[in-house]
Amino acid sequence: MNVLELISVILNVVFGSGLLISLLKLRQTKEQMQADIRGKELENEEKASKIVMEYVVEPLKKEMNSLRREVQRFRKAVEKIPTCPMAQECPVNVELKRKHEDSL
């Protein structure tokens, strides 16, 4: 007989079986509350991830796609500079060459 069983027997003798039932109900209630808490924590984590997706990830995706389109348009325009009859005096071409030389 372990200590818990001994205490249970003594308490049953002193207080009757009502205390043991109350203790079992208390334990069951505690376990149920812990399960509910775990469920709420998971629910809160789900809500938080949805909020992050909606307000952070999705807007960033849209911005990245917009930037990709703009860069692609810029590349196409820059690729056409050499075929332009005014390429030597083109202010965009001059500025791009200056920026490239400054970075070296």
N, C-alpha and C. Protein backbone atom coordinates (compact mmCIF):
# COMPACT_ATOMS: atom_id res chain seq x y z
N MET A 1 0.85 -1.17 0.00
CA MET A 1 0.00 0.00 0.00
C MET A 1 0.90 1.24 0.00
N ASN A 2 0.68 2.11 -0.97
CA ASN A 2 1.50 3.32 -1.03
C ASN A 2 0.91 4.42 -0.15
N VAL A 3 1.61 5.50 -0.04
CA VAL A 3 1.24 6.59 0.86
C VAL A 3 -0.10 7.20 0.47
N LEU A 4 -0.32 7.36 -0.83
CA LEU A 4 -1.57 7.96 -1.30
C LEU A 4 -2.77 7.09 -0.91
N GLU A 5 -2.63 5.78 -1.08
CA GLU A 5 -3.73 4.89 -0.71
C GLU A 5 -3.97 4.93 0.80
N LEU A 6 -2.89 5.00 1.57
CA LEU A 6 -3.02 5.06 3.03
C LEU A 6 -3.75 6.33 3.46
N ILE A 7 -3.37 7.44 2.88
CA ILE A 7 -4.03 8.71 3.18
C ILE A 7 -5.50 8.64 2.79
N SER A 8 -5.76 8.05 1.62
CA SER A 8 -7.14 7.92 1.16
C SER A 8 -7.97 7.10 2.14
N VAL A 9 -7.42 5.99 2.63
CA VAL A 9 -8.14 5.14 3.58
C VAL A 9 -8.41 5.90 4.87
N ILE A 10 -7.40 6.61 5.36
CA ILE A 10 -7.56 7.37 6.62
C ILE A 10 -8.62 8.45 6.45
N LEU A 11 -8.56 9.17 5.33
CA LEU A 11 -9.55 10.23 5.10
C LEU A 11 -10.95 9.65 4.94
N ASN A 12 -11.06 8.49 4.32
CA ASN A 12 -12.37 7.84 4.18
C ASN A 12 -12.95 7.47 5.53
N VAL A 13 -12.08 6.99 6.40
CA VAL A 13 -12.55 6.61 7.73
C VAL A 13 -12.98 7.85 8.51
N VAL A 14 -12.16 8.90 8.44
CA VAL A 14 -12.43 10.10 9.23
C VAL A 14 -13.62 10.89 8.65
N PHE A 15 -13.62 11.13 7.35
CA PHE A 15 -14.62 12.01 6.76
C PHE A 15 -15.71 11.29 5.97
N GLY A 16 -15.57 10.05 5.76
CA GLY A 16 -16.53 9.33 4.94
C GLY A 16 -16.09 9.34 3.48
N SER A 17 -16.84 8.68 2.65
CA SER A 17 -16.44 8.55 1.24
C SER A 17 -16.67 9.82 0.43
N GLY A 18 -17.38 10.76 0.97
CA GLY A 18 -17.66 12.01 0.25
C GLY A 18 -16.40 12.79 -0.10
N LEU A 19 -15.40 12.75 0.77
CA LEU A 19 -14.16 13.46 0.51
C LEU A 19 -13.41 12.85 -0.66
N LEU A 20 -13.37 11.55 -0.72
CA LEU A 20 -12.69 10.88 -1.83
C LEU A 20 -13.36 11.21 -3.15
N ILE A 21 -14.67 11.19 -3.16
CA ILE A 21 -15.40 11.54 -4.38
C ILE A 21 -15.13 12.99 -4.77
N SER A 22 -15.10 13.87 -3.77
CA SER A 22 -14.81 15.28 -4.04
C SER A 22 -13.41 15.45 -4.61
N LEU A 23 -12.45 14.72 -4.06
CA LEU A 23 -11.08 14.80 -4.57
C LEU A 23 -10.99 14.29 -6.01
N LEU A 24 -11.70 13.20 -6.29
CA LEU A 24 -11.69 12.67 -7.66
C LEU A 24 -12.35 13.66 -8.63
N LYS A 25 -13.43 14.27 -8.21
CA LYS A 25 -14.09 15.27 -9.06
C LYS A 25 -13.19 16.48 -9.27
N LEU A 26 -12.49 16.87 -8.21
CA LEU A 26 -11.58 18.01 -8.30
C LEU A 26 -10.46 17.70 -9.30
N ARG A 27 -9.91 16.49 -9.22
CA ARG A 27 -8.85 16.09 -10.16
C ARG A 27 -9.38 16.08 -11.59
N GLN A 28 -10.57 15.53 -11.78
CA GLN A 28 -11.17 15.48 -13.10
C GLN A 28 -11.42 16.89 -13.64
N THR A 29 -11.91 17.77 -12.78
CA THR A 29 -12.15 19.16 -13.18
C THR A 29 -10.84 19.84 -13.57
N LYS A 30 -9.79 19.59 -12.81
CA LYS A 30 -8.47 20.18 -13.11
C LYS A 30 -7.97 19.70 -14.47
N GLU A 31 -8.08 18.40 -14.73
CA GLU A 31 -7.63 17.86 -16.01
C GLU A 31 -8.44 18.43 -17.17
N GLN A 32 -9.75 18.58 -16.97
CA GLN A 32 -10.60 19.16 -18.01
C GLN A 32 -10.23 20.61 -18.28
N MET A 33 -9.95 21.36 -17.22
CA MET A 33 -9.56 22.76 -17.39
C MET A 33 -8.23 22.87 -18.12
N GLN A 34 -7.30 21.99 -17.82
CA GLN A 34 -6.00 22.00 -18.51
C GLN A 34 -6.19 21.68 -19.99
N ALA A 35 -7.06 20.74 -20.31
CA ALA A 35 -7.35 20.42 -21.71
C ALA A 35 -8.00 21.61 -22.41
N ASP A 36 -8.91 22.29 -21.72
CA ASP A 36 -9.55 23.48 -22.29
C ASP A 36 -8.53 24.58 -22.55
N ILE A 37 -7.61 24.75 -21.62
CA ILE A 37 -6.57 25.76 -21.78
C ILE A 37 -5.71 25.44 -23.00
N ARG A 38 -5.31 24.18 -23.14
CA ARG A 38 -4.51 23.78 -24.30
C ARG A 38 -5.27 24.05 -25.59
N GLY A 39 -6.57 23.76 -25.59
CA GLY A 39 -7.39 24.02 -26.77
C GLY A 39 -7.45 25.50 -27.10
N LYS A 40 -7.63 26.33 -26.08
CA LYS A 40 -7.67 27.78 -26.29
C LYS A 40 -6.33 28.31 -26.80
N GLU A 41 -5.24 27.76 -26.27
CA GLU A 41 -3.91 28.19 -26.74
C GLU A 41 -3.74 27.87 -28.22
N LEU A 42 -4.14 26.68 -28.63
CA LEU A 42 -4.05 26.31 -30.04
C LEU A 42 -4.94 27.21 -30.90
N GLU A 43 -6.11 27.50 -30.41
CA GLU A 43 -7.03 28.39 -31.13
C GLU A 43 -6.43 29.79 -31.28
N ASN A 44 -5.82 30.29 -30.21
CA ASN A 44 -5.18 31.61 -30.26
C ASN A 44 -4.00 31.62 -31.23
N GLU A 45 -3.23 30.55 -31.25
CA GLU A 45 -2.10 30.47 -32.19
C GLU A 45 -2.60 30.46 -33.63
N GLU A 46 -3.70 29.75 -33.87
CA GLU A 46 -4.28 29.73 -35.21
C GLU A 46 -4.73 31.12 -35.63
N LYS A 47 -5.42 31.81 -34.72
CA LYS A 47 -5.89 33.17 -35.02
C LYS A 47 -4.71 34.10 -35.29
N ALA A 48 -3.65 33.97 -34.49
CA ALA A 48 -2.48 34.83 -34.67
C ALA A 48 -1.83 34.58 -36.02
N SER A 49 -1.73 33.33 -36.42
CA SER A 49 -1.09 33.05 -37.72
C SER A 49 -1.96 33.57 -38.86
N LYS A 50 -3.28 33.50 -38.72
CA LYS A 50 -4.16 34.04 -39.75
C LYS A 50 -4.02 35.56 -39.85
N ILE A 51 -3.88 36.22 -38.71
CA ILE A 51 -3.71 37.67 -38.70
C ILE A 51 -2.39 38.05 -39.37
N VAL A 52 -1.33 37.31 -39.04
CA VAL A 52 -0.02 37.58 -39.66
C VAL A 52 -0.11 37.37 -41.17
N MET A 53 -0.76 36.30 -41.60
CA MET A 53 -0.90 36.05 -43.04
C MET A 53 -1.68 37.18 -43.71
N GLU A 54 -2.78 37.59 -43.09
CA GLU A 54 -3.65 38.59 -43.70
C GLU A 54 -3.02 39.98 -43.73
N TYR A 55 -2.37 40.39 -42.63
CA TYR A 55 -1.91 41.76 -42.53
C TYR A 55 -0.42 41.95 -42.81
N VAL A 56 0.35 40.85 -42.89
CA VAL A 56 1.78 40.99 -43.14
C VAL A 56 2.19 40.27 -44.42
N VAL A 57 1.94 38.98 -44.47
CA VAL A 57 2.45 38.17 -45.58
C VAL A 57 1.78 38.54 -46.90
N GLU A 58 0.46 38.60 -46.91
CA GLU A 58 -0.24 38.91 -48.17
C GLU A 58 0.13 40.29 -48.73
N PRO A 59 0.14 41.36 -47.91
CA PRO A 59 0.57 42.65 -48.45
C PRO A 59 2.01 42.63 -48.96
N LEU A 60 2.89 41.90 -48.27
CA LEU A 60 4.27 41.81 -48.74
C LEU A 60 4.36 41.07 -50.07
N LYS A 61 3.56 40.03 -50.23
CA LYS A 61 3.54 39.31 -51.52
C LYS A 61 3.11 40.24 -52.64
N LYS A 62 2.05 41.02 -52.37
CA LYS A 62 1.56 41.95 -53.40
C LYS A 62 2.64 42.98 -53.74
N GLU A 63 3.30 43.50 -52.73
CA GLU A 63 4.35 44.50 -52.95
C GLU A 63 5.52 43.90 -53.74
N MET A 64 5.90 42.68 -53.39
CA MET A 64 7.00 42.02 -54.12
C MET A 64 6.64 41.80 -55.59
N ASN A 65 5.41 41.37 -55.85
CA ASN A 65 4.99 41.18 -57.23
C ASN A 65 4.98 42.49 -58.00
N SER A 66 4.55 43.55 -57.34
CA SER A 66 4.55 44.87 -57.97
C SER A 66 5.99 45.30 -58.29
N LEU A 67 6.88 45.10 -57.35
CA LEU A 67 8.29 45.46 -57.58
C LEU A 67 8.90 44.63 -58.71
N ARG A 68 8.55 43.37 -58.78
CA ARG A 68 9.06 42.51 -59.87
C ARG A 68 8.62 43.05 -61.23
N ARG A 69 7.34 43.44 -61.32
CA ARG A 69 6.84 43.99 -62.59
C ARG A 69 7.57 45.29 -62.94
N GLU A 70 7.79 46.14 -61.95
CA GLU A 70 8.48 47.40 -62.21
C GLU A 70 9.92 47.17 -62.64
N VAL A 71 10.60 46.24 -62.00
CA VAL A 71 11.98 45.94 -62.37
C VAL A 71 12.03 45.38 -63.78
N GLN A 72 11.07 44.52 -64.12
CA GLN A 72 11.03 43.96 -65.47
C GLN A 72 10.82 45.06 -66.51
N ARG A 73 9.93 46.00 -66.23
CA ARG A 73 9.71 47.13 -67.15
C ARG A 73 10.99 47.96 -67.29
N PHE A 74 11.66 48.19 -66.17
CA PHE A 74 12.91 48.95 -66.18
C PHE A 74 13.97 48.24 -67.01
N ARG A 75 14.09 46.94 -66.83
CA ARG A 75 15.08 46.17 -67.61
C ARG A 75 14.81 46.28 -69.11
N LYS A 76 13.54 46.14 -69.48
CA LYS A 76 13.19 46.24 -70.90
C LYS A 76 13.58 47.61 -71.45
N ALA A 77 13.30 48.65 -70.66
CA ALA A 77 13.63 50.00 -71.11
C ALA A 77 15.14 50.18 -71.23
N VAL A 78 15.90 49.70 -70.28
CA VAL A 78 17.36 49.84 -70.30
C VAL A 78 17.95 49.04 -71.46
N GLU A 79 17.38 47.89 -71.75
CA GLU A 79 17.88 47.07 -72.87
C GLU A 79 17.69 47.77 -74.22
N LYS A 80 16.75 48.68 -74.30
CA LYS A 80 16.49 49.39 -75.56
C LYS A 80 17.41 50.60 -75.75
N ILE A 81 18.14 51.01 -74.74
CA ILE A 81 19.00 52.19 -74.84
C ILE A 81 20.00 52.08 -75.99
N PRO A 82 20.72 50.96 -76.15
CA PRO A 82 21.73 50.92 -77.22
C PRO A 82 21.15 51.12 -78.62
N THR A 83 19.89 50.78 -78.83
CA THR A 83 19.30 50.94 -80.16
C THR A 83 18.73 52.34 -80.39
N CYS A 84 18.77 53.17 -79.38
CA CYS A 84 18.24 54.52 -79.49
C CYS A 84 19.26 55.39 -80.23
N PRO A 85 18.81 56.21 -81.20
CA PRO A 85 19.74 57.08 -81.92
C PRO A 85 20.40 58.13 -81.01
N MET A 86 19.81 58.40 -79.87
CA MET A 86 20.38 59.40 -78.98
C MET A 86 21.02 58.76 -77.75
N ALA A 87 21.47 57.52 -77.89
CA ALA A 87 21.98 56.76 -76.74
C ALA A 87 23.17 57.44 -76.07
N GLN A 88 24.04 58.10 -76.84
CA GLN A 88 25.22 58.73 -76.26
C GLN A 88 24.86 59.90 -75.36
N GLU A 89 23.84 60.64 -75.71
CA GLU A 89 23.43 61.79 -74.91
C GLU A 89 22.24 61.49 -73.99
N CYS A 90 21.79 60.27 -73.98
CA CYS A 90 20.61 59.89 -73.19
C CYS A 90 20.90 60.12 -71.71
N PRO A 91 20.11 60.94 -71.02
CA PRO A 91 20.36 61.21 -69.60
C PRO A 91 20.25 59.94 -68.73
N VAL A 92 19.38 59.04 -69.10
CA VAL A 92 19.23 57.80 -68.33
C VAL A 92 20.50 56.96 -68.49
N ASN A 93 20.97 56.85 -69.71
CA ASN A 93 22.18 56.06 -69.98
C ASN A 93 23.39 56.67 -69.26
N VAL A 94 23.51 57.98 -69.31
CA VAL A 94 24.62 58.65 -68.64
C VAL A 94 24.55 58.41 -67.14
N GLU A 95 23.37 58.54 -66.57
CA GLU A 95 23.21 58.33 -65.12
C GLU A 95 23.51 56.89 -64.73
N LEU A 96 23.05 55.94 -65.53
CA LEU A 96 23.32 54.53 -65.22
C LEU A 96 24.81 54.22 -65.29
N LYS A 97 25.49 54.79 -66.28
CA LYS A 97 26.95 54.57 -66.39
C LYS A 97 27.66 55.20 -65.19
N ARG A 98 27.21 56.39 -64.79
CA ARG A 98 27.84 57.06 -63.66
C ARG A 98 27.63 56.24 -62.38
N LYS A 99 26.43 55.75 -62.16
CA LYS A 99 26.17 54.93 -60.98
C LYS A 99 27.01 53.66 -61.00
N HIS A 100 27.16 53.06 -62.18
CA HIS A 100 27.95 51.84 -62.31
C HIS A 100 29.43 52.12 -62.02
N GLU A 101 29.96 53.24 -62.53
CA GLU A 101 31.36 53.58 -62.28
C GLU A 101 31.59 53.94 -60.82
N ASP A 102 30.61 54.60 -60.18
CA ASP A 102 30.75 54.95 -58.77
C ASP A 102 30.80 53.71 -57.88
N SER A 103 30.10 52.67 -58.28
CA SER A 103 30.05 51.46 -57.44
C SER A 103 31.32 50.63 -57.59
N LEU A 104 32.10 50.86 -58.63
CA LEU A 104 33.36 50.11 -58.80
C LEU A 104 34.40 50.78 -57.98
